[in-house]
């Protein structure tokens, strides 16, 4: 492993944790979003003490984490990308938190998967906070009925997640998600990424999802 890679990631992690502690009385948990990151960076993060990771795809996460879970039993894995109903069983088997519940079709799939596996990952409802047609998530106006459907079928929802519009200030959308959370009596708020995690922390995030800000740019990609 490169000493430079290990020390750089450790330094970034320390800065992120310090920022979160500075802006929030109860700092949110830091999720290192590890999608498409090379193994050398994953190992550097683990060596720096990071144990909470986020993945976008179930299959990639299985490849990356299945064996590592035996070595690091304190790992906490979050599915932060979209969930297809035919992947519900694999997601429930692997992840500790699923951030992307957003439609009635997933209710039965998740309940069935939990009954089969005996595992009960925490489930967050993804809210399409700005009602952008290209994004997944339940519209704010449809959130309460969806949560009621989940409750009626025995699926416990622990909180909310959102991704605000990229070209607009994030704060009003984070504030709206926090308001929706209070209205529904939920306490877990997954909001904030590399460019706006501090804003999210100030507005009540309990989980922030940081990829590029933690690991650096992904190889062969300038995406954040």
C-alpha atoms as a PDB file:
ATOM      1  CA  UNK A   1       0.000   0.000   0.000  1.00  0.00           C
ATOM      2  CA  UNK A   2       1.184   3.503  -0.778  1.00  0.00           C
ATOM      3  CA  UNK A   3       2.164   5.449   2.333  1.00  0.00           C
ATOM      4  CA  UNK A   4       0.997   8.569   0.498  1.00  0.00           C
ATOM      5  CA  UNK A   5      -2.456   7.126  -0.171  1.00  0.00           C
ATOM      6  CA  UNK A   6      -2.824   5.991   3.421  1.00  0.00           C
ATOM      7  CA  UNK A   7      -1.673   9.257   4.971  1.00  0.00           C
ATOM      8  CA  UNK A   8      -3.753  11.381   2.559  1.00  0.00           C
ATOM      9  CA  UNK A   9      -6.965   9.514   3.272  1.00  0.00           C
ATOM     10  CA  UNK A  10      -6.266   9.575   7.006  1.00  0.00           C
ATOM     11  CA  UNK A  11      -5.749  13.346   6.797  1.00  0.00           C
ATOM     12  CA  UNK A  12      -8.937  13.894   4.790  1.00  0.00           C
ATOM     13  CA  UNK A  13     -10.894  11.790   7.255  1.00  0.00           C
ATOM     14  CA  UNK A  14      -9.534  13.775  10.195  1.00  0.00           C
ATOM     15  CA  UNK A  15     -10.498  17.075   8.529  1.00  0.00           C
ATOM     16  CA  UNK A  16     -14.012  15.835   7.784  1.00  0.00           C
ATOM     17  CA  UNK A  17     -14.555  14.630  11.329  1.00  0.00           C
ATOM     18  CA  UNK A  18     -13.209  17.896  12.726  1.00  0.00           C
ATOM     19  CA  UNK A  19     -15.506  19.921  10.448  1.00  0.00           C
ATOM     20  CA  UNK A  20     -18.533  17.901  11.525  1.00  0.00           C
ATOM     21  CA  UNK A  21     -17.659  18.287  15.193  1.00  0.00           C
ATOM     22  CA  UNK A  22     -17.200  22.035  14.738  1.00  0.00           C
ATOM     23  CA  UNK A  23     -20.564  22.721  13.108  1.00  0.00           C
ATOM     24  CA  UNK A  24     -22.863  20.345  14.999  1.00  0.00           C
ATOM     25  CA  UNK A  25     -23.395  19.680  18.685  1.00  0.00           C
ATOM     26  CA  UNK A  26     -24.168  16.083  17.760  1.00  0.00           C
ATOM     27  CA  UNK A  27     -21.987  15.410  14.723  1.00  0.00           C
ATOM     28  CA  UNK A  28     -23.480  13.098  12.124  1.00  0.00           C
ATOM     29  CA  UNK A  29     -21.892   9.761  11.329  1.00  0.00           C
ATOM     30  CA  UNK A  30     -19.499   9.944   8.387  1.00  0.00           C
ATOM     31  CA  UNK A  31     -20.273   7.470   5.599  1.00  0.00           C
ATOM     32  CA  UNK A  32     -17.309   6.988   3.254  1.00  0.00           C
ATOM     33  CA  UNK A  33     -18.899   6.354  -0.133  1.00  0.00           C
ATOM     34  CA  UNK A  34     -16.569   3.799  -1.658  1.00  0.00           C
ATOM     35  CA  UNK A  35     -18.210   3.086  -5.021  1.00  0.00           C
ATOM     36  CA  UNK A  36     -15.660   2.406  -7.769  1.00  0.00           C
ATOM     37  CA  UNK A  37     -12.730   3.134  -5.456  1.00  0.00           C
ATOM     38  CA  UNK A  38      -9.618   0.936  -5.791  1.00  0.00           C
ATOM     39  CA  UNK A  39      -8.700  -1.508  -3.057  1.00  0.00           C
ATOM     40  CA  UNK A  40      -5.643   0.489  -2.021  1.00  0.00           C
ATOM     41  CA  UNK A  41      -7.910   3.352  -0.934  1.00  0.00           C
ATOM     42  CA  UNK A  42     -10.349   1.046   0.811  1.00  0.00           C
ATOM     43  CA  UNK A  43      -7.501  -0.471   2.806  1.00  0.00           C
ATOM     44  CA  UNK A  44      -6.178   2.995   3.622  1.00  0.00           C
ATOM     45  CA  UNK A  45      -9.580   4.009   4.947  1.00  0.00           C
ATOM     46  CA  UNK A  46      -9.837   0.884   7.068  1.00  0.00           C
ATOM     47  CA  UNK A  47      -6.340   1.436   8.445  1.00  0.00           C
ATOM     48  CA  UNK A  48      -7.326   5.010   9.328  1.00  0.00           C
ATOM     49  CA  UNK A  49     -10.145   3.636  11.479  1.00  0.00           C
ATOM     50  CA  UNK A  50     -13.093   4.171   9.130  1.00  0.00           C
ATOM     51  CA  UNK A  51     -15.764   1.514   9.553  1.00  0.00           C
ATOM     52  CA  UNK A  52     -18.865   3.073   7.966  1.00  0.00           C
ATOM     53  CA  UNK A  53     -19.017   2.765   4.172  1.00  0.00           C
ATOM     54  CA  UNK A  54     -21.584   3.444   1.478  1.00  0.00           C
ATOM     55  CA  UNK A  55     -22.067   1.662  -1.830  1.00  0.00           C
ATOM     56  CA  UNK A  56     -24.274   2.407  -4.822  1.00  0.00           C
ATOM     57  CA  UNK A  57     -24.580  -1.081  -6.264  1.00  0.00           C
ATOM     58  CA  UNK A  58     -25.351  -4.333  -4.504  1.00  0.00           C
ATOM     59  CA  UNK A  59     -23.137  -6.480  -6.724  1.00  0.00           C
ATOM     60  CA  UNK A  60     -20.063  -4.270  -6.344  1.00  0.00           C
ATOM     61  CA  UNK A  61     -20.598  -4.188  -2.590  1.00  0.00           C
ATOM     62  CA  UNK A  62     -20.801  -7.979  -2.400  1.00  0.00           C
ATOM     63  CA  UNK A  63     -17.467  -8.303  -4.169  1.00  0.00           C
ATOM     64  CA  UNK A  64     -15.802  -5.685  -1.993  1.00  0.00           C
ATOM     65  CA  UNK A  65     -17.157  -6.421   1.469  1.00  0.00           C
ATOM     66  CA  UNK A  66     -18.220 -10.043   1.796  1.00  0.00           C
ATOM     67  CA  UNK A  67     -14.780 -11.300   2.849  1.00  0.00           C
ATOM     68  CA  UNK A  68     -13.814  -8.120   4.669  1.00  0.00           C
ATOM     69  CA  UNK A  69     -16.782  -8.470   7.025  1.00  0.00           C
ATOM     70  CA  UNK A  70     -15.100 -11.511   8.552  1.00  0.00           C
ATOM     71  CA  UNK A  71     -11.951  -9.458   9.195  1.00  0.00           C
ATOM     72  CA  UNK A  72     -13.740  -6.307  10.361  1.00  0.00           C
ATOM     73  CA  UNK A  73     -16.873  -7.402  12.275  1.00  0.00           C
ATOM     74  CA  UNK A  74     -17.587  -3.781  13.244  1.00  0.00           C
ATOM     75  CA  UNK A  75     -18.162  -2.693   9.639  1.00  0.00           C
ATOM     76  CA  UNK A  76     -21.386  -0.809   8.954  1.00  0.00           C
ATOM     77  CA  UNK A  77     -22.468  -0.933   5.322  1.00  0.00           C
ATOM     78  CA  UNK A  78     -24.966   1.459   3.742  1.00  0.00           C
ATOM     79  CA  UNK A  79     -26.703   1.074   0.406  1.00  0.00           C
ATOM     80  CA  UNK A  80     -26.941   4.657  -0.843  1.00  0.00           C
ATOM     81  CA  UNK A  81     -27.870   3.900  -4.459  1.00  0.00           C
ATOM     82  CA  UNK A  82     -31.158   2.844  -6.007  1.00  0.00           C
ATOM     83  CA  UNK A  83     -32.586  -0.520  -5.011  1.00  0.00           C
ATOM     84  CA  UNK A  84     -34.348  -2.811  -7.478  1.00  0.00           C
ATOM     85  CA  UNK A  85     -36.934  -5.146  -5.996  1.00  0.00           C
ATOM     86  CA  UNK A  86     -35.119  -8.195  -7.424  1.00  0.00           C
ATOM     87  CA  UNK A  87     -32.020  -7.169  -5.436  1.00  0.00           C
ATOM     88  CA  UNK A  88     -33.874  -6.798  -2.138  1.00  0.00           C
ATOM     89  CA  UNK A  89     -32.728 -10.139  -0.730  1.00  0.00           C
ATOM     90  CA  UNK A  90     -29.071  -9.518  -1.533  1.00  0.00           C
ATOM     91  CA  UNK A  91     -29.308  -6.001  -0.077  1.00  0.00           C
ATOM     92  CA  UNK A  92     -30.897  -7.198   3.154  1.00  0.00           C
ATOM     93  CA  UNK A  93     -28.306  -9.958   3.480  1.00  0.00           C
ATOM     94  CA  UNK A  94     -25.367  -7.528   3.192  1.00  0.00           C
ATOM     95  CA  UNK A  95     -26.286  -4.006   4.248  1.00  0.00           C
ATOM     96  CA  UNK A  96     -26.946  -2.574   7.686  1.00  0.00           C
ATOM     97  CA  UNK A  97     -28.779   0.504   6.380  1.00  0.00           C
ATOM     98  CA  UNK A  98     -30.703   0.915   3.109  1.00  0.00           C
ATOM     99  CA  UNK A  99     -31.213   4.560   2.097  1.00  0.00           C
ATOM    100  CA  UNK A 100     -33.284   4.130  -1.072  1.00  0.00           C
ATOM    101  CA  UNK A 101     -36.761   2.884  -0.185  1.00  0.00           C
ATOM    102  CA  UNK A 102     -39.038   4.976  -2.394  1.00  0.00           C
ATOM    103  CA  UNK A 103     -42.030   3.019  -3.744  1.00  0.00           C
ATOM    104  CA  UNK A 104     -44.711   0.566  -2.643  1.00  0.00           C
ATOM    105  CA  UNK A 105     -43.298  -2.285  -4.735  1.00  0.00           C
ATOM    106  CA  UNK A 106     -40.282  -2.469  -2.429  1.00  0.00           C
ATOM    107  CA  UNK A 107     -42.331  -3.002   0.722  1.00  0.00           C
ATOM    108  CA  UNK A 108     -43.224  -6.625   0.127  1.00  0.00           C
ATOM    109  CA  UNK A 109     -39.786  -7.422  -1.300  1.00  0.00           C
ATOM    110  CA  UNK A 110     -38.013  -6.036   1.776  1.00  0.00           C
ATOM    111  CA  UNK A 111     -40.388  -7.631   4.286  1.00  0.00           C
ATOM    112  CA  UNK A 112     -40.011 -11.016   2.583  1.00  0.00           C
ATOM    113  CA  UNK A 113     -36.226 -10.675   2.448  1.00  0.00           C
ATOM    114  CA  UNK A 114     -36.016  -9.783   6.151  1.00  0.00           C
ATOM    115  CA  UNK A 115     -38.203 -12.712   7.128  1.00  0.00           C
ATOM    116  CA  UNK A 116     -36.044 -15.084   5.106  1.00  0.00           C
ATOM    117  CA  UNK A 117     -32.674 -13.814   6.320  1.00  0.00           C
ATOM    118  CA  UNK A 118     -33.545 -12.922   9.896  1.00  0.00           C
ATOM    119  CA  UNK A 119     -31.765  -9.601   9.419  1.00  0.00           C
ATOM    120  CA  UNK A 120     -33.458  -6.224   9.840  1.00  0.00           C
ATOM    121  CA  UNK A 121     -31.385  -3.434   8.299  1.00  0.00           C
ATOM    122  CA  UNK A 122     -32.512   0.089   9.040  1.00  0.00           C
ATOM    123  CA  UNK A 123     -34.604   1.462   6.191  1.00  0.00           C
ATOM    124  CA  UNK A 124     -34.639   5.104   5.068  1.00  0.00           C
ATOM    125  CA  UNK A 125     -37.158   6.578   2.644  1.00  0.00           C
ATOM    126  CA  UNK A 126     -35.527   8.473  -0.195  1.00  0.00           C
ATOM    127  CA  UNK A 127     -37.357  11.738  -0.832  1.00  0.00           C
ATOM    128  CA  UNK A 128     -37.153  13.458  -4.220  1.00  0.00           C
ATOM    129  CA  UNK A 129     -36.904  16.698  -2.343  1.00  0.00           C
ATOM    130  CA  UNK A 130     -37.060  19.007  -5.384  1.00  0.00           C
ATOM    131  CA  UNK A 131     -39.321  16.717  -7.428  1.00  0.00           C
ATOM    132  CA  UNK A 132     -36.729  16.398 -10.189  1.00  0.00           C
ATOM    133  CA  UNK A 133     -37.982  14.047 -12.918  1.00  0.00           C
ATOM    134  CA  UNK A 134     -34.573  12.436 -13.454  1.00  0.00           C
ATOM    135  CA  UNK A 135     -34.123  11.464  -9.810  1.00  0.00           C
ATOM    136  CA  UNK A 136     -35.476   8.592  -7.778  1.00  0.00           C
ATOM    137  CA  UNK A 137     -37.401   9.150  -4.587  1.00  0.00           C
ATOM    138  CA  UNK A 138     -40.907   9.708  -3.321  1.00  0.00           C
ATOM    139  CA  UNK A 139     -42.382  13.181  -3.735  1.00  0.00           C
ATOM    140  CA  UNK A 140     -42.773  15.067  -0.445  1.00  0.00           C
ATOM    141  CA  UNK A 141     -46.544  15.106  -0.902  1.00  0.00           C
ATOM    142  CA  UNK A 142     -46.589  11.312  -1.278  1.00  0.00           C
ATOM    143  CA  UNK A 143     -44.309  10.574   1.669  1.00  0.00           C
ATOM    144  CA  UNK A 144     -46.939  10.171   4.377  1.00  0.00           C
ATOM    145  CA  UNK A 145     -49.076   7.676   2.398  1.00  0.00           C
ATOM    146  CA  UNK A 146     -45.973   5.642   1.510  1.00  0.00           C
ATOM    147  CA  UNK A 147     -44.877   5.487   5.142  1.00  0.00           C
ATOM    148  CA  UNK A 148     -48.376   4.407   6.128  1.00  0.00           C
ATOM    149  CA  UNK A 149     -48.348   1.630   3.517  1.00  0.00           C
ATOM    150  CA  UNK A 150     -44.996   0.456   4.868  1.00  0.00           C
ATOM    151  CA  UNK A 151     -46.290   0.451   8.449  1.00  0.00           C
ATOM    152  CA  UNK A 152     -49.445  -1.413   7.440  1.00  0.00           C
ATOM    153  CA  UNK A 153     -47.326  -4.180   5.901  1.00  0.00           C
ATOM    154  CA  UNK A 154     -44.864  -4.421   8.770  1.00  0.00           C
ATOM    155  CA  UNK A 155     -41.919  -2.471   7.307  1.00  0.00           C
ATOM    156  CA  UNK A 156     -40.369  -0.087   9.833  1.00  0.00           C
ATOM    157  CA  UNK A 157     -38.957   3.130   8.379  1.00  0.00           C
ATOM    158  CA  UNK A 158     -36.216   4.734  10.433  1.00  0.00           C
ATOM    159  CA  UNK A 159     -35.621   8.010   8.620  1.00  0.00           C
ATOM    160  CA  UNK A 160     -35.303  10.002   5.406  1.00  0.00           C
ATOM    161  CA  UNK A 161     -32.670  10.596   2.740  1.00  0.00           C
ATOM    162  CA  UNK A 162     -32.388  13.190  -0.015  1.00  0.00           C
ATOM    163  CA  UNK A 163     -30.117  14.500  -2.771  1.00  0.00           C
ATOM    164  CA  UNK A 164     -30.753  18.209  -3.425  1.00  0.00           C
ATOM    165  CA  UNK A 165     -30.457  19.796  -6.886  1.00  0.00           C
ATOM    166  CA  UNK A 166     -26.827  20.215  -7.899  1.00  0.00           C
ATOM    167  CA  UNK A 167     -27.188  23.762  -9.212  1.00  0.00           C
ATOM    168  CA  UNK A 168     -29.063  25.254  -6.252  1.00  0.00           C
ATOM    169  CA  UNK A 169     -28.201  26.043  -2.630  1.00  0.00           C
ATOM    170  CA  UNK A 170     -28.709  22.894  -0.589  1.00  0.00           C
ATOM    171  CA  UNK A 171     -29.785  24.479   2.698  1.00  0.00           C
ATOM    172  CA  UNK A 172     -33.495  25.026   1.888  1.00  0.00           C
ATOM    173  CA  UNK A 173     -33.838  21.418   0.762  1.00  0.00           C
ATOM    174  CA  UNK A 174     -32.079  20.078   3.843  1.00  0.00           C
ATOM    175  CA  UNK A 175     -34.338  22.220   6.008  1.00  0.00           C
ATOM    176  CA  UNK A 176     -37.381  20.818   4.199  1.00  0.00           C
ATOM    177  CA  UNK A 177     -36.219  17.241   4.735  1.00  0.00           C
ATOM    178  CA  UNK A 178     -35.678  17.956   8.433  1.00  0.00           C
ATOM    179  CA  UNK A 179     -39.220  19.397   8.617  1.00  0.00           C
ATOM    180  CA  UNK A 180     -40.683  16.318   6.907  1.00  0.00           C
ATOM    181  CA  UNK A 181     -38.761  14.130   9.326  1.00  0.00           C
ATOM    182  CA  UNK A 182     -40.187  15.945  12.349  1.00  0.00           C
ATOM    183  CA  UNK A 183     -43.701  15.760  10.935  1.00  0.00           C
ATOM    184  CA  UNK A 184     -43.407  11.983  10.562  1.00  0.00           C
ATOM    185  CA  UNK A 185     -41.697  11.428  13.921  1.00  0.00           C
ATOM    186  CA  UNK A 186     -38.482  10.148  12.354  1.00  0.00           C
ATOM    187  CA  UNK A 187     -35.022  10.849  13.737  1.00  0.00           C
ATOM    188  CA  UNK A 188     -32.527   9.622  11.121  1.00  0.00           C
ATOM    189  CA  UNK A 189     -31.589  12.144   8.422  1.00  0.00           C
ATOM    190  CA  UNK A 190     -29.221  11.128   5.615  1.00  0.00           C
ATOM    191  CA  UNK A 191     -28.279  14.310   3.782  1.00  0.00           C
ATOM    192  CA  UNK A 192     -25.114  16.051   2.698  1.00  0.00           C
ATOM    193  CA  UNK A 193     -22.292  14.978   0.401  1.00  0.00           C
ATOM    194  CA  UNK A 194     -18.786  16.185  -0.430  1.00  0.00           C
ATOM    195  CA  UNK A 195     -19.758  19.772  -1.290  1.00  0.00           C
ATOM    196  CA  UNK A 196     -22.393  20.395   1.368  1.00  0.00           C
ATOM    197  CA  UNK A 197     -21.826  18.038   4.308  1.00  0.00           C
ATOM    198  CA  UNK A 198     -21.173  20.904   6.733  1.00  0.00           C
ATOM    199  CA  UNK A 199     -24.434  22.624   5.751  1.00  0.00           C
ATOM    200  CA  UNK A 200     -26.292  19.357   6.252  1.00  0.00           C
ATOM    201  CA  UNK A 201     -24.683  18.831   9.658  1.00  0.00           C
ATOM    202  CA  UNK A 202     -25.755  22.283  10.810  1.00  0.00           C
ATOM    203  CA  UNK A 203     -29.326  21.524   9.734  1.00  0.00           C
ATOM    204  CA  UNK A 204     -29.644  18.263  11.605  1.00  0.00           C
ATOM    205  CA  UNK A 205     -28.143  15.500   9.485  1.00  0.00           C
ATOM    206  CA  UNK A 206     -27.416  12.327  11.417  1.00  0.00           C
ATOM    207  CA  UNK A 207     -25.637  10.720   8.441  1.00  0.00           C
ATOM    208  CA  UNK A 208     -23.523  12.393   5.748  1.00  0.00           C
ATOM    209  CA  UNK A 209     -22.398  10.584   2.589  1.00  0.00           C
ATOM    210  CA  UNK A 210     -18.949  11.680   1.430  1.00  0.00           C
ATOM    211  CA  UNK A 211     -17.149  10.120  -1.522  1.00  0.00           C
ATOM    212  CA  UNK A 212     -14.705  12.399  -3.337  1.00  0.00           C
ATOM    213  CA  UNK A 213     -14.136  14.500  -0.226  1.00  0.00           C
ATOM    214  CA  UNK A 214     -13.010  11.380   1.604  1.00  0.00           C
ATOM    215  CA  UNK A 215     -11.201   9.302  -1.024  1.00  0.00           C
ATOM    216  CA  UNK A 216     -10.309  11.882  -3.671  1.00  0.00           C
ATOM    217  CA  UNK A 217     -11.493  11.726  -7.299  1.00  0.00           C
ATOM    218  CA  UNK A 218     -12.365   8.284  -8.580  1.00  0.00           C
ATOM    219  CA  UNK A 219      -9.908   6.871 -11.121  1.00  0.00           C
ATOM    220  CA  UNK A 220     -10.766   7.841 -14.713  1.00  0.00           C
ATOM    221  CA  UNK A 221     -13.581  10.068 -13.477  1.00  0.00           C
ATOM    222  CA  UNK A 222     -14.074  13.688 -12.461  1.00  0.00           C
ATOM    223  CA  UNK A 223     -17.436  12.975 -10.848  1.00  0.00           C
ATOM    224  CA  UNK A 224     -18.007  14.043  -7.231  1.00  0.00           C
END
